[in-house]
Amino acid sequence: MIQYIDGKQVRNMFVSGANNLKNHKDLVDKLNVFPVPDGDTGTNMSLTISCAIKELNKVEKDDIGQLGKALSKGSLMGARGNSGVILSQIIRGIAQSIDGKETLTSMDIAKALKNGSDIAYKAVIKPVEGTILTVVRESSEYALKAAVLEEDIIEFMKLLVKEANNSLNRTP
């Protein structure tokens, strides 16, 4: 059982997630229908997270706080379109929550995701349900409940990904 992750694993998770988004940006482009089906959400999010990873790669140590700050700065500076700005705010909230930690438990991850959701909602003047905001909110709310029951990071993440996909399937 893995009860915590360290900075190296945080780095690897973000790099892996960025690669996954890049590999599936066309699919995400097709999911976009709000406010208009302009087909660029995946592209904008991929470009945004790519800038975050470039900034992350400048950090030599695997210090969780430094990694979070780099991701936050890179995503904000590289934010493209509405979806990129929202993604950068989610990352900003996560970074704020993990700052100063040497390791992260499933509860730390859940709280960070919830803070990311809260920050993103505050950054949008008129949040609309059925969007990325809904998926991050529902996922973070679920994460807080799941973290109480599941301390194993791998099992927790499996549950979280499943719920995120369920939330996505419930959105228009």
N, C-alpha and C. Protein backbone atom coordinates (compact mmCIF):
# COMPACT_ATOMS: atom_id res chain seq x y z
N MET A 1 0.86 -1.18 0.00
CA MET A 1 0.00 0.00 0.00
C MET A 1 0.90 1.24 0.00
N ILE A 2 0.55 2.20 -0.84
CA ILE A 2 1.29 3.46 -0.93
C ILE A 2 0.44 4.53 -0.26
N GLN A 3 0.94 5.07 0.86
CA GLN A 3 0.15 6.03 1.62
C GLN A 3 0.48 7.47 1.32
N TYR A 4 1.54 7.72 0.56
CA TYR A 4 1.89 9.10 0.21
C TYR A 4 2.74 9.12 -1.05
N ILE A 5 2.79 10.27 -1.68
CA ILE A 5 3.66 10.48 -2.82
C ILE A 5 4.60 11.63 -2.50
N ASP A 6 5.77 11.62 -3.13
CA ASP A 6 6.75 12.67 -2.90
C ASP A 6 6.81 13.60 -4.12
N GLY A 7 7.72 14.54 -4.09
CA GLY A 7 7.85 15.52 -5.17
C GLY A 7 8.14 14.89 -6.53
N LYS A 8 8.97 13.88 -6.55
CA LYS A 8 9.28 13.22 -7.82
C LYS A 8 8.02 12.62 -8.44
N GLN A 9 7.20 12.02 -7.60
CA GLN A 9 5.95 11.44 -8.10
C GLN A 9 4.95 12.51 -8.52
N VAL A 10 4.93 13.63 -7.81
CA VAL A 10 4.07 14.75 -8.22
C VAL A 10 4.50 15.24 -9.59
N ARG A 11 5.80 15.41 -9.77
CA ARG A 11 6.33 15.83 -11.08
C ARG A 11 5.90 14.84 -12.17
N ASN A 12 6.12 13.56 -11.91
CA ASN A 12 5.78 12.54 -12.90
C ASN A 12 4.29 12.51 -13.22
N MET A 13 3.46 12.73 -12.19
CA MET A 13 2.01 12.73 -12.42
C MET A 13 1.60 13.87 -13.36
N PHE A 14 2.15 15.05 -13.14
CA PHE A 14 1.79 16.19 -13.99
C PHE A 14 2.33 16.01 -15.41
N VAL A 15 3.54 15.50 -15.54
CA VAL A 15 4.11 15.27 -16.88
C VAL A 15 3.27 14.21 -17.61
N SER A 16 2.93 13.14 -16.92
CA SER A 16 2.11 12.09 -17.52
C SER A 16 0.74 12.62 -17.92
N GLY A 17 0.13 13.41 -17.03
CA GLY A 17 -1.18 14.01 -17.34
C GLY A 17 -1.11 14.93 -18.54
N ALA A 18 -0.04 15.72 -18.62
CA ALA A 18 0.14 16.62 -19.76
C ALA A 18 0.29 15.83 -21.06
N ASN A 19 1.06 14.76 -21.01
CA ASN A 19 1.22 13.91 -22.20
C ASN A 19 -0.10 13.28 -22.60
N ASN A 20 -0.87 12.84 -21.63
CA ASN A 20 -2.17 12.24 -21.91
C ASN A 20 -3.10 13.25 -22.56
N LEU A 21 -3.10 14.47 -22.04
CA LEU A 21 -3.94 15.52 -22.63
C LEU A 21 -3.50 15.82 -24.06
N LYS A 22 -2.20 15.91 -24.27
CA LYS A 22 -1.68 16.17 -25.61
C LYS A 22 -2.10 15.06 -26.58
N ASN A 23 -2.01 13.82 -26.12
CA ASN A 23 -2.36 12.68 -26.96
C ASN A 23 -3.85 12.60 -27.27
N HIS A 24 -4.68 13.22 -26.43
CA HIS A 24 -6.14 13.14 -26.61
C HIS A 24 -6.78 14.51 -26.83
N LYS A 25 -5.99 15.50 -27.24
CA LYS A 25 -6.54 16.84 -27.40
C LYS A 25 -7.64 16.89 -28.46
N ASP A 26 -7.52 16.08 -29.50
CA ASP A 26 -8.56 16.07 -30.54
C ASP A 26 -9.90 15.58 -29.98
N LEU A 27 -9.85 14.59 -29.12
CA LEU A 27 -11.08 14.10 -28.48
C LEU A 27 -11.68 15.20 -27.61
N VAL A 28 -10.86 15.89 -26.84
CA VAL A 28 -11.35 16.96 -25.97
C VAL A 28 -11.89 18.11 -26.83
N ASP A 29 -11.26 18.39 -27.96
CA ASP A 29 -11.79 19.40 -28.88
C ASP A 29 -13.22 19.07 -29.28
N LYS A 30 -13.50 17.80 -29.51
CA LYS A 30 -14.84 17.38 -29.93
C LYS A 30 -15.87 17.44 -28.81
N LEU A 31 -15.39 17.35 -27.56
CA LEU A 31 -16.31 17.42 -26.42
C LEU A 31 -16.85 18.82 -26.20
N ASN A 32 -16.13 19.82 -26.63
CA ASN A 32 -16.48 21.21 -26.35
C ASN A 32 -17.74 21.64 -27.10
N VAL A 33 -18.73 22.07 -26.32
CA VAL A 33 -19.95 22.61 -26.93
C VAL A 33 -20.37 23.94 -26.31
N PHE A 34 -19.68 24.37 -25.25
CA PHE A 34 -20.09 25.59 -24.55
C PHE A 34 -18.94 26.58 -24.53
N PRO A 35 -19.14 27.85 -24.75
CA PRO A 35 -20.43 28.47 -25.09
C PRO A 35 -20.82 28.22 -26.55
N VAL A 36 -19.83 27.88 -27.39
CA VAL A 36 -20.11 27.48 -28.77
C VAL A 36 -19.19 26.30 -29.08
N PRO A 37 -19.61 25.44 -30.01
CA PRO A 37 -18.76 24.30 -30.35
C PRO A 37 -17.60 24.71 -31.27
N ASP A 38 -16.64 25.43 -30.70
CA ASP A 38 -15.55 25.96 -31.52
C ASP A 38 -14.39 24.97 -31.70
N GLY A 39 -14.45 23.84 -30.99
CA GLY A 39 -13.51 22.76 -31.24
C GLY A 39 -12.06 23.04 -30.88
N ASP A 40 -11.81 23.91 -29.89
CA ASP A 40 -10.42 24.21 -29.56
C ASP A 40 -10.07 24.00 -28.09
N THR A 41 -10.99 23.44 -27.31
CA THR A 41 -10.76 23.27 -25.88
C THR A 41 -9.56 22.37 -25.60
N GLY A 42 -9.48 21.23 -26.25
CA GLY A 42 -8.36 20.33 -26.05
C GLY A 42 -7.04 20.95 -26.46
N THR A 43 -7.07 21.65 -27.57
CA THR A 43 -5.87 22.33 -28.05
C THR A 43 -5.43 23.40 -27.06
N ASN A 44 -6.37 24.22 -26.60
CA ASN A 44 -6.03 25.28 -25.65
C ASN A 44 -5.53 24.73 -24.32
N MET A 45 -6.18 23.68 -23.84
CA MET A 45 -5.73 23.08 -22.58
C MET A 45 -4.36 22.43 -22.76
N SER A 46 -4.13 21.80 -23.88
CA SER A 46 -2.84 21.16 -24.15
C SER A 46 -1.72 22.20 -24.23
N LEU A 47 -1.98 23.30 -24.90
CA LEU A 47 -0.98 24.38 -24.98
C LEU A 47 -0.71 24.97 -23.60
N THR A 48 -1.76 25.11 -22.80
CA THR A 48 -1.62 25.66 -21.45
C THR A 48 -0.77 24.75 -20.57
N ILE A 49 -1.09 23.46 -20.57
CA ILE A 49 -0.35 22.54 -19.71
C ILE A 49 1.08 22.35 -20.22
N SER A 50 1.28 22.49 -21.52
CA SER A 50 2.65 22.41 -22.07
C SER A 50 3.52 23.54 -21.51
N CYS A 51 2.96 24.72 -21.39
CA CYS A 51 3.70 25.84 -20.80
C CYS A 51 3.98 25.59 -19.32
N ALA A 52 3.04 24.97 -18.65
CA ALA A 52 3.25 24.63 -17.24
C ALA A 52 4.40 23.63 -17.10
N ILE A 53 4.45 22.66 -17.98
CA ILE A 53 5.51 21.63 -17.92
C ILE A 53 6.86 22.25 -18.27
N LYS A 54 6.89 23.19 -19.19
CA LYS A 54 8.16 23.88 -19.50
C LYS A 54 8.68 24.58 -18.26
N GLU A 55 7.81 25.22 -17.52
CA GLU A 55 8.21 25.89 -16.28
C GLU A 55 8.61 24.87 -15.21
N LEU A 56 7.87 23.78 -15.15
CA LEU A 56 8.19 22.69 -14.21
C LEU A 56 9.60 22.15 -14.47
N ASN A 57 9.95 22.01 -15.73
CA ASN A 57 11.26 21.46 -16.09
C ASN A 57 12.42 22.36 -15.67
N LYS A 58 12.13 23.60 -15.34
CA LYS A 58 13.18 24.51 -14.86
C LYS A 58 13.52 24.26 -13.38
N VAL A 59 12.64 23.57 -12.68
CA VAL A 59 12.84 23.30 -11.26
C VAL A 59 13.73 22.06 -11.12
N GLU A 60 14.88 22.23 -10.49
CA GLU A 60 15.83 21.13 -10.36
C GLU A 60 15.48 20.17 -9.25
N LYS A 61 15.02 20.69 -8.12
CA LYS A 61 14.69 19.84 -6.97
C LYS A 61 13.25 19.39 -7.06
N ASP A 62 12.99 18.24 -6.47
CA ASP A 62 11.63 17.72 -6.43
C ASP A 62 10.90 18.17 -5.17
N ASP A 63 10.96 19.47 -4.91
CA ASP A 63 10.27 20.08 -3.78
C ASP A 63 8.83 20.36 -4.20
N ILE A 64 7.89 19.79 -3.50
CA ILE A 64 6.48 19.88 -3.89
C ILE A 64 6.01 21.33 -4.03
N GLY A 65 6.38 22.18 -3.09
CA GLY A 65 5.98 23.59 -3.16
C GLY A 65 6.54 24.29 -4.38
N GLN A 66 7.82 24.06 -4.67
CA GLN A 66 8.45 24.68 -5.84
C GLN A 66 7.82 24.16 -7.13
N LEU A 67 7.54 22.87 -7.15
CA LEU A 67 6.90 22.29 -8.34
C LEU A 67 5.52 22.92 -8.57
N GLY A 68 4.75 23.04 -7.50
CA GLY A 68 3.42 23.64 -7.61
C GLY A 68 3.48 25.08 -8.10
N LYS A 69 4.42 25.84 -7.55
CA LYS A 69 4.56 27.25 -7.97
C LYS A 69 4.95 27.34 -9.44
N ALA A 70 5.84 26.45 -9.89
CA ALA A 70 6.25 26.46 -11.29
C ALA A 70 5.08 26.10 -12.20
N LEU A 71 4.32 25.09 -11.82
CA LEU A 71 3.15 24.70 -12.61
C LEU A 71 2.13 25.83 -12.68
N SER A 72 1.92 26.48 -11.55
CA SER A 72 0.96 27.58 -11.49
C SER A 72 1.42 28.74 -12.38
N LYS A 73 2.66 29.12 -12.25
CA LYS A 73 3.20 30.22 -13.06
C LYS A 73 3.15 29.89 -14.55
N GLY A 74 3.63 28.70 -14.90
CA GLY A 74 3.66 28.31 -16.31
C GLY A 74 2.28 28.22 -16.93
N SER A 75 1.31 27.69 -16.18
CA SER A 75 -0.04 27.56 -16.74
C SER A 75 -0.71 28.93 -16.86
N LEU A 76 -0.46 29.81 -15.91
CA LEU A 76 -1.05 31.15 -15.99
C LEU A 76 -0.45 31.94 -17.16
N MET A 77 0.87 31.89 -17.29
CA MET A 77 1.54 32.64 -18.35
C MET A 77 1.21 32.07 -19.74
N GLY A 78 0.93 30.77 -19.79
CA GLY A 78 0.65 30.13 -21.07
C GLY A 78 -0.81 29.84 -21.33
N ALA A 79 -1.71 30.35 -20.49
CA ALA A 79 -3.13 30.04 -20.62
C ALA A 79 -3.67 30.49 -21.98
N ARG A 80 -4.36 29.59 -22.63
CA ARG A 80 -4.96 29.86 -23.94
C ARG A 80 -6.47 29.63 -23.84
N GLY A 81 -7.23 30.60 -24.25
CA GLY A 81 -8.69 30.47 -24.28
C GLY A 81 -9.29 30.32 -22.89
N ASN A 82 -10.61 30.26 -22.84
CA ASN A 82 -11.31 30.11 -21.56
C ASN A 82 -10.90 28.84 -20.84
N SER A 83 -10.80 27.74 -21.57
CA SER A 83 -10.47 26.47 -20.94
C SER A 83 -9.06 26.48 -20.36
N GLY A 84 -8.14 27.14 -21.03
CA GLY A 84 -6.78 27.25 -20.52
C GLY A 84 -6.70 28.10 -19.27
N VAL A 85 -7.48 29.17 -19.25
CA VAL A 85 -7.52 30.03 -18.06
C VAL A 85 -8.11 29.26 -16.88
N ILE A 86 -9.19 28.53 -17.13
CA ILE A 86 -9.80 27.74 -16.05
C ILE A 86 -8.82 26.68 -15.56
N LEU A 87 -8.16 26.00 -16.48
CA LEU A 87 -7.16 24.99 -16.10
C LEU A 87 -6.05 25.62 -15.26
N SER A 88 -5.61 26.80 -15.64
CA SER A 88 -4.55 27.46 -14.88
C SER A 88 -5.02 27.80 -13.46
N GLN A 89 -6.29 28.13 -13.31
CA GLN A 89 -6.82 28.44 -11.98
C GLN A 89 -6.96 27.18 -11.13
N ILE A 90 -7.32 26.09 -11.75
CA ILE A 90 -7.36 24.80 -11.03
C ILE A 90 -5.96 24.48 -10.52
N ILE A 91 -4.97 24.61 -11.39
CA ILE A 91 -3.59 24.33 -11.01
C ILE A 91 -3.13 25.31 -9.92
N ARG A 92 -3.52 26.55 -10.03
CA ARG A 92 -3.16 27.56 -9.01
C ARG A 92 -3.68 27.14 -7.64
N GLY A 93 -4.93 26.71 -7.60
CA GLY A 93 -5.51 26.27 -6.33
C GLY A 93 -4.83 25.02 -5.78
N ILE A 94 -4.50 24.10 -6.65
CA ILE A 94 -3.77 22.90 -6.22
C ILE A 94 -2.42 23.31 -5.65
N ALA A 95 -1.71 24.19 -6.36
CA ALA A 95 -0.38 24.63 -5.93
C ALA A 95 -0.44 25.30 -4.56
N GLN A 96 -1.45 26.12 -4.34
CA GLN A 96 -1.59 26.79 -3.04
C GLN A 96 -1.76 25.76 -1.93
N SER A 97 -2.53 24.74 -2.21
CA SER A 97 -2.85 23.75 -1.19
C SER A 97 -1.67 22.83 -0.85
N ILE A 98 -0.81 22.56 -1.82
CA ILE A 98 0.30 21.63 -1.58
C ILE A 98 1.59 22.33 -1.15
N ASP A 99 1.58 23.65 -1.17
CA ASP A 99 2.78 24.40 -0.80
C ASP A 99 3.20 24.06 0.63
N GLY A 100 4.48 23.83 0.81
CA GLY A 100 5.03 23.55 2.13
C GLY A 100 4.98 22.09 2.54
N LYS A 101 4.43 21.23 1.72
CA LYS A 101 4.33 19.81 2.07
C LYS A 101 5.51 19.04 1.49
N GLU A 102 5.99 18.06 2.24
CA GLU A 102 7.07 17.20 1.77
C GLU A 102 6.53 15.97 1.05
N THR A 103 5.35 15.52 1.46
CA THR A 103 4.68 14.40 0.82
C THR A 103 3.19 14.72 0.78
N LEU A 104 2.47 13.96 -0.03
CA LEU A 104 1.03 14.14 -0.13
C LEU A 104 0.31 12.82 0.12
N THR A 105 -0.70 12.86 0.97
CA THR A 105 -1.57 11.71 1.20
C THR A 105 -2.78 11.83 0.27
N SER A 106 -3.63 10.83 0.29
CA SER A 106 -4.85 10.91 -0.51
C SER A 106 -5.71 12.10 -0.04
N MET A 107 -5.73 12.38 1.25
CA MET A 107 -6.50 13.52 1.74
C MET A 107 -5.88 14.84 1.28
N ASP A 108 -4.55 14.91 1.26
CA ASP A 108 -3.89 16.12 0.75
C ASP A 108 -4.26 16.37 -0.70
N ILE A 109 -4.28 15.31 -1.49
CA ILE A 109 -4.63 15.42 -2.91
C ILE A 109 -6.09 15.87 -3.04
N ALA A 110 -6.96 15.27 -2.24
CA ALA A 110 -8.38 15.64 -2.29
C ALA A 110 -8.59 17.11 -1.93
N LYS A 111 -7.92 17.56 -0.88
CA LYS A 111 -8.05 18.96 -0.47
C LYS A 111 -7.47 19.90 -1.53
N ALA A 112 -6.38 19.49 -2.15
CA ALA A 112 -5.77 20.31 -3.21
C ALA A 112 -6.72 20.43 -4.40
N LEU A 113 -7.32 19.32 -4.79
CA LEU A 113 -8.26 19.35 -5.91
C LEU A 113 -9.47 20.21 -5.57
N LYS A 114 -9.94 20.12 -4.35
CA LYS A 114 -11.08 20.94 -3.92
C LYS A 114 -10.71 22.42 -3.95
N ASN A 115 -9.50 22.74 -3.51
CA ASN A 115 -9.07 24.14 -3.56
C ASN A 115 -8.94 24.60 -5.01
N GLY A 116 -8.46 23.73 -5.88
CA GLY A 116 -8.38 24.06 -7.30
C GLY A 116 -9.76 24.36 -7.87
N SER A 117 -10.72 23.55 -7.49
CA SER A 117 -12.10 23.77 -7.93
C SER A 117 -12.64 25.09 -7.42
N ASP A 118 -12.42 25.36 -6.14
CA ASP A 118 -12.92 26.60 -5.54
C ASP A 118 -12.31 27.83 -6.22
N ILE A 119 -11.01 27.79 -6.45
CA ILE A 119 -10.31 28.92 -7.09
C ILE A 119 -10.83 29.12 -8.52
N ALA A 120 -11.02 28.03 -9.23
CA ALA A 120 -11.51 28.13 -10.62
C ALA A 120 -12.91 28.73 -10.66
N TYR A 121 -13.80 28.31 -9.77
CA TYR A 121 -15.15 28.87 -9.73
C TYR A 121 -15.12 30.37 -9.45
N LYS A 122 -14.24 30.78 -8.53
CA LYS A 122 -14.14 32.20 -8.20
C LYS A 122 -13.60 33.03 -9.35
N ALA A 123 -12.83 32.41 -10.22
CA ALA A 123 -12.19 33.13 -11.32
C ALA A 123 -13.15 33.37 -12.49
N VAL A 124 -14.27 32.65 -12.50
CA VAL A 124 -15.23 32.78 -13.60
C VAL A 124 -16.39 33.64 -13.14
N ILE A 125 -16.69 34.69 -13.89
CA ILE A 125 -17.74 35.63 -13.49
C ILE A 125 -19.10 34.94 -13.38
N LYS A 126 -19.46 34.17 -14.40
CA LYS A 126 -20.72 33.45 -14.39
C LYS A 126 -20.45 31.97 -14.65
N PRO A 127 -20.11 31.20 -13.62
CA PRO A 127 -19.83 29.78 -13.82
C PRO A 127 -21.05 29.05 -14.38
N VAL A 128 -20.81 28.20 -15.35
CA VAL A 128 -21.88 27.45 -15.98
C VAL A 128 -21.68 25.97 -15.68
N GLU A 129 -22.74 25.35 -15.18
CA GLU A 129 -22.67 23.92 -14.89
C GLU A 129 -22.71 23.13 -16.21
N GLY A 130 -22.17 21.92 -16.16
CA GLY A 130 -22.09 21.09 -17.35
C GLY A 130 -20.81 21.33 -18.12
N THR A 131 -19.82 21.94 -17.46
CA THR A 131 -18.55 22.26 -18.09
C THR A 131 -17.41 21.63 -17.28
N ILE A 132 -16.19 21.99 -17.63
CA ILE A 132 -15.02 21.54 -16.87
C ILE A 132 -15.15 21.89 -15.39
N LEU A 133 -15.81 23.00 -15.10
CA LEU A 133 -16.01 23.40 -13.72
C LEU A 133 -16.82 22.36 -12.95
N THR A 134 -17.85 21.85 -13.57
CA THR A 134 -18.68 20.82 -12.93
C THR A 134 -17.86 19.57 -12.67
N VAL A 135 -17.09 19.15 -13.65
CA VAL A 135 -16.29 17.92 -13.51
C VAL A 135 -15.29 18.07 -12.37
N VAL A 136 -14.60 19.19 -12.29
CA VAL A 136 -13.62 19.37 -11.22
C VAL A 136 -14.31 19.50 -9.87
N ARG A 137 -15.47 20.16 -9.82
CA ARG A 137 -16.19 20.29 -8.55
C ARG A 137 -16.69 18.94 -8.06
N GLU A 138 -17.38 18.21 -8.93
CA GLU A 138 -17.91 16.91 -8.52
C GLU A 138 -16.79 15.94 -8.17
N SER A 139 -15.71 15.98 -8.91
CA SER A 139 -14.58 15.09 -8.63
C SER A 139 -13.93 15.42 -7.30
N SER A 140 -13.78 16.70 -7.03
CA SER A 140 -13.14 17.10 -5.76
C SER A 140 -14.03 16.78 -4.57
N GLU A 141 -15.32 16.95 -4.72
CA GLU A 141 -16.24 16.61 -3.63
C GLU A 141 -16.19 15.11 -3.35
N TYR A 142 -16.15 14.34 -4.42
CA TYR A 142 -16.03 12.88 -4.28
C TYR A 142 -14.69 12.52 -3.64
N ALA A 143 -13.62 13.19 -4.07
CA ALA A 143 -12.28 12.90 -3.55
C ALA A 143 -12.21 13.08 -2.05
N LEU A 144 -12.85 14.10 -1.53
CA LEU A 144 -12.84 14.32 -0.08
C LEU A 144 -13.49 13.15 0.67
N LYS A 145 -14.55 12.60 0.10
CA LYS A 145 -15.21 11.45 0.72
C LYS A 145 -14.37 10.19 0.56
N ALA A 146 -13.82 10.00 -0.62
CA ALA A 146 -13.04 8.79 -0.91
C ALA A 146 -11.75 8.75 -0.10
N ALA A 147 -11.15 9.90 0.13
CA ALA A 147 -9.88 9.95 0.87
C ALA A 147 -10.04 9.50 2.32
N VAL A 148 -11.23 9.69 2.87
CA VAL A 148 -11.49 9.23 4.23
C VAL A 148 -11.47 7.70 4.29
N LEU A 149 -11.93 7.08 3.22
CA LEU A 149 -12.05 5.63 3.18
C LEU A 149 -10.84 4.92 2.57
N GLU A 150 -10.10 5.63 1.72
CA GLU A 150 -9.01 4.99 0.98
C GLU A 150 -7.71 5.75 1.15
N GLU A 151 -6.80 5.17 1.93
CA GLU A 151 -5.50 5.79 2.15
C GLU A 151 -4.48 5.41 1.08
N ASP A 152 -4.71 4.29 0.41
CA ASP A 152 -3.79 3.86 -0.64
C ASP A 152 -3.93 4.80 -1.84
N ILE A 153 -2.86 5.49 -2.17
CA ILE A 153 -2.89 6.51 -3.23
C ILE A 153 -3.33 5.91 -4.57
N ILE A 154 -2.83 4.74 -4.90
CA ILE A 154 -3.18 4.14 -6.20
C ILE A 154 -4.67 3.83 -6.26
N GLU A 155 -5.19 3.22 -5.23
CA GLU A 155 -6.62 2.89 -5.21
C GLU A 155 -7.47 4.17 -5.18
N PHE A 156 -7.02 5.14 -4.41
CA PHE A 156 -7.71 6.43 -4.35
C PHE A 156 -7.76 7.08 -5.74
N MET A 157 -6.63 7.09 -6.43
CA MET A 157 -6.59 7.71 -7.76
C MET A 157 -7.47 6.95 -8.76
N LYS A 158 -7.53 5.64 -8.65
CA LYS A 158 -8.42 4.86 -9.53
C LYS A 158 -9.87 5.28 -9.30
N LEU A 159 -10.24 5.40 -8.03
CA LEU A 159 -11.61 5.83 -7.70
C LEU A 159 -11.88 7.24 -8.21
N LEU A 160 -10.90 8.12 -8.04
CA LEU A 160 -11.05 9.51 -8.47
C LEU A 160 -11.21 9.62 -9.99
N VAL A 161 -10.39 8.90 -10.72
CA VAL A 161 -10.49 8.92 -12.19
C VAL A 161 -11.84 8.37 -12.64
N LYS A 162 -12.29 7.31 -11.99
CA LYS A 162 -13.60 6.74 -12.35
C LYS A 162 -14.71 7.76 -12.13
N GLU A 163 -14.66 8.44 -10.99
CA GLU A 163 -15.70 9.45 -10.71
C GLU A 163 -15.59 10.63 -11.66
N ALA A 164 -14.39 11.05 -12.00
CA ALA A 164 -14.22 12.15 -12.96
C ALA A 164 -14.83 11.77 -14.30
N ASN A 165 -14.61 10.54 -14.73
CA ASN A 165 -15.21 10.08 -15.99
C ASN A 165 -16.73 10.02 -15.89
N ASN A 166 -17.24 9.57 -14.74
CA ASN A 166 -18.70 9.56 -14.54
C ASN A 166 -19.26 10.98 -14.59
N SER A 167 -18.57 11.90 -13.95
CA SER A 167 -19.02 13.29 -13.98
C SER A 167 -19.02 13.82 -15.41
N LEU A 168 -17.96 13.55 -16.13
CA LEU A 168 -17.89 13.98 -17.52
C LEU A 168 -19.05 13.42 -18.33
N ASN A 169 -19.38 12.17 -18.11
CA ASN A 169 -20.48 11.54 -18.85
C ASN A 169 -21.84 12.14 -18.49
N ARG A 170 -21.94 12.77 -17.33
CA ARG A 170 -23.20 13.43 -16.94
C ARG A 170 -23.33 14.83 -17.49
N THR A 171 -22.25 15.40 -18.02
CA THR A 171 -22.31 16.77 -18.53
C THR A 171 -22.83 16.78 -19.97
N PRO A 172 -23.40 17.91 -20.36
CA PRO A 172 -23.87 18.01 -21.74
C PRO A 172 -22.70 18.19 -22.69
